[in-house]
Amino acid sequence: MAETMSFLLKATNFLKDFLTPIGATWAFLLLLLVWLIRRKRWLEAAPVFFAAGLLWILGATPLAPKLLQSLEKPFYGVNLTNLTSADAVIMLGGTLEPSPSDPRQINLTRAADRIMAAVDLMRLHKANALVLGGGAARVGDKDTRESELIQNLLNRWSLVEQPIHSLDGCLNTRDEALKTKELAKQFGWKKFWLVSSANHLERALATFRKAGMDVQGVGCDFDAESSQLGGWRFEWVPKNRNLECFDAWLHETLGTLYYRVRGWI
């Protein structure tokens, strides 16, 4: 009986994978491929085979998490309590989006770990001020800044006792670096802890250092590591989590190339 229940559970989980958008797309490609092959339509079958194979490689193998891990690994194992003090902690944006219908007016994103890491640093008294980055958005007839939304949240919960400075809406990481540099000149800050997702931190550090700032990184949001807990494994059906890892790796790889071409790092 126990073996039967275990088999049924595994079969149910296997079938559930095909009910996701990625799984359903992959199943459609496989069925289309079989249909084309049975009719010996080789020319049409070739691109379908390529698409199904690529989707399986990126979504069902450890390739995408391993690519992303190559960006995250340099920032493994930081013990916040052992860090030295700095003048300010800089937290990069991308942690939330405006959500007028939400009671808190915000919708947290996958990068919201940055908020917790920055708050931890401040509560451990690793800096005398907190600088919040992020973009701006227009909601209805009102302009909102991500940094102000986070500042309001931290103030409501009384999480940070040091001064909090929110940057004007920033276009990108380089914009955050330039605006933070102006703030540093105003307050005479010299040393900083820079908080960002681990996969983005290498480019972020290079950008701030190119702007002439003395920054050290604190990484968080280790997606590759958390997606493969229990070991690097192959799946039968492509998973959205693996594709998200590939998307993050590709975004950061192309972003680094763009920043190099522009001379920002």
Protein backbone atom coordinates (compact mmCIF):
# COMPACT_ATOMS: atom_id res chain seq x y z
CA MET A 1 0.00 0.00 0.00
CA ALA A 2 2.80 2.40 0.93
CA GLU A 3 4.62 1.66 -2.33
CA THR A 4 1.43 2.28 -4.31
CA MET A 5 0.84 5.62 -2.59
CA SER A 6 4.46 6.63 -3.23
CA PHE A 7 4.12 5.74 -6.92
CA LEU A 8 0.85 7.67 -7.23
CA LEU A 9 2.41 10.71 -5.55
CA LYS A 10 5.39 10.67 -7.92
CA ALA A 11 3.12 10.22 -10.94
CA THR A 12 0.91 13.10 -9.80
CA ASN A 13 3.91 15.41 -9.35
CA PHE A 14 5.23 14.37 -12.77
CA LEU A 15 1.91 15.19 -14.44
CA LYS A 16 1.67 18.50 -12.55
CA ASP A 17 4.92 19.59 -14.19
CA PHE A 18 3.13 19.50 -17.55
CA LEU A 19 0.45 21.87 -16.25
CA THR A 20 2.90 24.75 -15.87
CA PRO A 21 3.33 27.14 -18.84
CA ILE A 22 6.87 25.85 -19.44
CA GLY A 23 5.87 22.19 -19.12
CA ALA A 24 2.84 22.64 -21.36
CA THR A 25 4.94 24.41 -24.00
CA TRP A 26 7.52 21.64 -23.93
CA ALA A 27 4.82 18.96 -24.20
CA PHE A 28 3.31 20.78 -27.19
CA LEU A 29 6.71 20.92 -28.90
CA LEU A 30 7.24 17.19 -28.33
CA LEU A 31 3.82 16.30 -29.72
CA LEU A 32 4.38 18.57 -32.71
CA LEU A 33 7.80 17.00 -33.27
CA VAL A 34 6.34 13.47 -33.23
CA TRP A 35 3.58 14.53 -35.62
CA LEU A 36 6.08 16.04 -38.08
CA ILE A 37 8.43 13.05 -37.91
CA ARG A 38 5.60 10.57 -38.54
CA ARG A 39 4.80 12.50 -41.70
CA LYS A 40 8.49 12.72 -42.62
CA ARG A 41 8.41 16.50 -42.74
CA TRP A 42 12.06 16.76 -41.77
CA LEU A 43 12.56 20.40 -42.70
CA GLU A 44 9.78 21.55 -40.37
CA ALA A 45 10.81 19.06 -37.69
CA ALA A 46 14.38 20.40 -37.39
CA PRO A 47 13.59 23.80 -35.75
CA VAL A 48 10.98 22.16 -33.49
CA PHE A 49 13.57 19.61 -32.36
CA PHE A 50 16.05 22.42 -31.71
CA ALA A 51 13.51 24.45 -29.69
CA ALA A 52 12.41 21.44 -27.60
CA GLY A 53 16.02 20.43 -26.98
CA LEU A 54 17.11 23.92 -26.01
CA LEU A 55 14.15 24.30 -23.65
CA TRP A 56 15.02 20.98 -21.98
CA ILE A 57 18.73 21.85 -21.65
CA LEU A 58 18.01 25.24 -20.06
CA GLY A 59 15.03 24.15 -17.97
CA ALA A 60 15.74 20.56 -16.94
CA THR A 61 19.51 20.30 -16.52
CA PRO A 62 21.85 21.94 -13.96
CA LEU A 63 23.35 24.14 -16.72
CA ALA A 64 21.44 27.34 -15.93
CA PRO A 65 21.92 27.19 -12.13
CA LYS A 66 25.62 26.43 -12.63
CA LEU A 67 26.00 29.45 -14.92
CA LEU A 68 24.31 31.66 -12.34
CA GLN A 69 26.36 30.12 -9.54
CA SER A 70 29.54 31.32 -11.27
CA LEU A 71 28.35 34.88 -10.56
CA GLU A 72 27.18 34.20 -7.01
CA LYS A 73 30.00 32.03 -5.69
CA PRO A 74 32.56 34.82 -5.00
CA PHE A 75 30.16 36.18 -2.36
CA TYR A 76 29.38 32.97 -0.46
CA GLY A 77 29.75 32.72 3.29
CA VAL A 78 29.91 36.34 4.48
CA ASN A 79 29.44 36.60 8.26
CA LEU A 80 27.83 39.98 8.89
CA THR A 81 28.93 40.10 12.52
CA ASN A 82 32.59 39.95 11.48
CA LEU A 83 32.42 42.87 9.08
CA THR A 84 34.15 46.14 9.90
CA SER A 85 32.24 49.41 10.16
CA ALA A 86 31.71 51.78 7.24
CA ASP A 87 30.26 55.24 6.81
CA ALA A 88 27.14 54.03 5.01
CA VAL A 89 25.34 50.99 3.66
CA ILE A 90 24.12 51.30 0.08
CA MET A 91 21.21 49.09 -0.92
CA LEU A 92 20.56 48.90 -4.64
CA GLY A 93 17.03 49.04 -5.99
CA GLY A 94 14.86 46.44 -7.64
CA THR A 95 13.33 45.12 -4.43
CA LEU A 96 9.72 46.18 -4.94
CA GLU A 97 7.13 47.66 -7.27
CA PRO A 98 4.32 50.10 -6.52
CA SER A 99 0.99 48.36 -5.87
CA PRO A 100 -1.77 50.91 -5.12
CA SER A 101 -4.35 48.23 -4.24
CA ASP A 102 -2.10 46.62 -1.63
CA PRO A 103 -2.58 47.87 1.95
CA ARG A 104 1.16 48.56 2.10
CA GLN A 105 1.18 50.08 -1.41
CA ILE A 106 4.03 47.76 -2.48
CA ASN A 107 4.67 44.41 -4.13
CA LEU A 108 7.95 42.77 -3.16
CA THR A 109 10.07 41.26 -5.95
CA ARG A 110 12.52 38.34 -6.01
CA ALA A 111 15.28 40.76 -4.97
CA ALA A 112 13.59 41.71 -1.68
CA ASP A 113 16.33 39.85 0.22
CA ARG A 114 18.36 43.02 -0.26
CA ILE A 115 16.11 44.80 2.24
CA MET A 116 16.72 42.18 4.93
CA ALA A 117 20.47 42.17 4.34
CA ALA A 118 20.68 45.95 4.54
CA VAL A 119 18.55 46.06 7.70
CA ASP A 120 20.72 43.36 9.30
CA LEU A 121 23.83 45.45 8.63
CA MET A 122 22.25 48.53 10.15
CA ARG A 123 20.99 46.69 13.23
CA LEU A 124 24.49 45.31 13.72
CA HIS A 125 25.73 48.93 13.62
CA LYS A 126 28.01 48.34 10.64
CA ALA A 127 27.37 51.85 9.31
CA ASN A 128 26.13 55.26 10.38
CA ALA A 129 23.64 55.75 7.55
CA LEU A 130 21.58 53.78 5.05
CA VAL A 131 21.28 54.83 1.39
CA LEU A 132 18.38 53.40 -0.61
CA GLY A 133 18.52 53.21 -4.39
CA GLY A 134 15.87 52.26 -6.92
CA GLY A 135 13.86 53.59 -9.79
CA ALA A 136 10.76 55.73 -10.16
CA ALA A 137 7.34 54.96 -11.61
CA ARG A 138 4.19 56.89 -12.35
CA VAL A 139 1.08 55.39 -10.78
CA GLY A 140 -2.01 57.20 -11.99
CA ASP A 141 -1.26 60.90 -11.63
CA LYS A 142 1.39 60.43 -8.95
CA ASP A 143 5.14 59.84 -9.23
CA THR A 144 6.51 57.25 -6.81
CA ARG A 145 10.09 56.37 -5.90
CA GLU A 146 11.10 52.91 -4.83
CA SER A 147 13.51 54.30 -2.25
CA GLU A 148 10.77 56.33 -0.55
CA LEU A 149 8.43 53.32 -0.41
CA ILE A 150 11.15 51.27 1.29
CA GLN A 151 12.00 54.13 3.65
CA ASN A 152 8.35 54.44 4.67
CA LEU A 153 8.22 50.70 5.34
CA LEU A 154 11.37 50.73 7.47
CA ASN A 155 10.16 53.76 9.41
CA ARG A 156 6.74 52.23 10.11
CA TRP A 157 8.37 49.13 11.53
CA SER A 158 11.13 51.09 13.32
CA LEU A 159 13.75 48.75 11.90
CA VAL A 160 16.60 51.22 11.43
CA GLU A 161 17.64 53.82 14.00
CA GLN A 162 20.31 55.50 11.84
CA PRO A 163 19.49 58.17 9.24
CA ILE A 164 18.02 56.86 5.98
CA HIS A 165 18.68 58.63 2.68
CA SER A 166 16.58 57.83 -0.39
CA LEU A 167 17.99 58.58 -3.83
CA ASP A 168 15.93 60.20 -6.55
CA GLY A 169 14.58 57.77 -9.13
CA CYS A 170 17.61 56.08 -10.70
CA LEU A 171 17.76 54.73 -14.24
CA ASN A 172 20.31 51.99 -13.56
CA THR A 173 23.18 50.93 -11.31
CA ARG A 174 25.52 53.56 -12.73
CA ASP A 175 22.95 56.25 -11.95
CA GLU A 176 22.78 54.94 -8.38
CA ALA A 177 26.58 55.14 -8.16
CA LEU A 178 26.74 58.73 -9.39
CA LYS A 179 23.93 59.94 -7.13
CA THR A 180 25.42 58.16 -4.12
CA LYS A 181 28.78 59.79 -4.85
CA GLU A 182 27.17 63.24 -4.69
CA LEU A 183 25.55 62.29 -1.38
CA ALA A 184 28.90 61.05 -0.08
CA LYS A 185 30.53 64.38 -0.90
CA GLN A 186 27.80 66.17 1.03
CA PHE A 187 28.29 64.11 4.19
CA GLY A 188 32.00 63.32 3.89
CA TRP A 189 31.51 59.57 3.60
CA LYS A 190 34.50 57.48 2.51
CA LYS A 191 33.79 53.76 3.05
CA PHE A 192 30.68 51.80 2.11
CA TRP A 193 29.04 48.41 2.23
CA LEU A 194 27.17 47.73 -1.02
CA VAL A 195 24.19 45.36 -0.77
CA SER A 196 22.77 43.66 -3.85
CA SER A 197 21.79 40.28 -5.22
CA ALA A 198 24.89 38.12 -5.45
CA ASN A 199 24.55 37.62 -9.20
CA HIS A 200 24.58 41.40 -9.74
CA LEU A 201 27.16 42.35 -7.14
CA GLU A 202 30.34 42.00 -9.20
CA ARG A 203 29.07 44.44 -11.85
CA ALA A 204 27.70 46.76 -9.18
CA LEU A 205 31.01 46.88 -7.29
CA ALA A 206 32.91 47.58 -10.51
CA THR A 207 30.49 50.39 -11.36
CA PHE A 208 30.80 52.11 -7.98
CA ARG A 209 34.58 51.72 -7.96
CA LYS A 210 34.78 53.17 -11.47
CA ALA A 211 32.92 56.18 -10.06
CA GLY A 212 35.70 56.54 -7.47
CA MET A 213 34.01 55.06 -4.40
CA ASP A 214 35.53 52.72 -1.79
CA VAL A 215 32.93 49.94 -1.65
CA GLN A 216 32.88 46.34 -0.44
CA GLY A 217 30.08 43.95 -1.27
CA VAL A 218 27.53 42.02 0.74
CA GLY A 219 25.65 39.56 -1.44
CA CYS A 220 22.22 38.06 -0.86
CA ASP A 221 19.44 36.45 -2.90
CA PHE A 222 21.48 33.37 -3.88
CA ASP A 223 19.04 31.93 -6.43
CA ALA A 224 21.33 29.32 -7.96
CA GLU A 225 22.22 27.78 -4.62
CA SER A 226 18.66 27.69 -3.31
CA SER A 227 17.29 26.26 -6.59
CA GLN A 228 19.55 23.21 -6.33
CA LEU A 229 19.36 22.30 -2.65
CA GLY A 230 19.78 18.55 -2.38
CA GLY A 231 22.25 18.40 -5.24
CA TRP A 232 22.62 19.30 -8.88
CA ARG A 233 20.08 17.20 -10.72
CA PHE A 234 18.40 16.56 -14.04
CA GLU A 235 14.63 16.85 -14.38
CA TRP A 236 12.26 15.06 -16.71
CA VAL A 237 10.32 18.22 -17.50
CA PRO A 238 11.75 21.76 -17.81
CA LYS A 239 11.18 23.89 -14.70
CA ASN A 240 10.51 27.60 -14.56
CA ARG A 241 13.02 28.01 -11.71
CA ASN A 242 15.89 26.91 -13.94
CA LEU A 243 14.79 29.27 -16.70
CA GLU A 244 14.72 32.11 -14.18
CA CYS A 245 18.33 31.29 -13.32
CA PHE A 246 19.24 31.45 -17.00
CA ASP A 247 17.39 34.73 -17.41
CA ALA A 248 19.30 36.24 -14.47
CA TRP A 249 22.64 34.98 -15.80
CA LEU A 250 21.96 36.25 -19.33
CA HIS A 251 20.78 39.63 -18.05
CA GLU A 252 23.90 40.08 -15.97
CA THR A 253 26.26 38.82 -18.68
CA LEU A 254 24.82 41.15 -21.32
CA GLY A 255 24.64 43.97 -18.77
CA THR A 256 28.33 43.59 -17.95
CA LEU A 257 29.20 43.65 -21.65
CA TYR A 258 27.10 46.79 -22.13
CA TYR A 259 28.73 48.53 -19.17
CA ARG A 260 32.19 47.68 -20.51
CA VAL A 261 31.34 49.07 -23.93
CA ARG A 262 30.03 52.29 -22.33
CA GLY A 263 33.15 52.57 -20.15
CA TRP A 264 31.15 52.40 -16.92
CA ILE A 265 33.26 49.59 -15.48
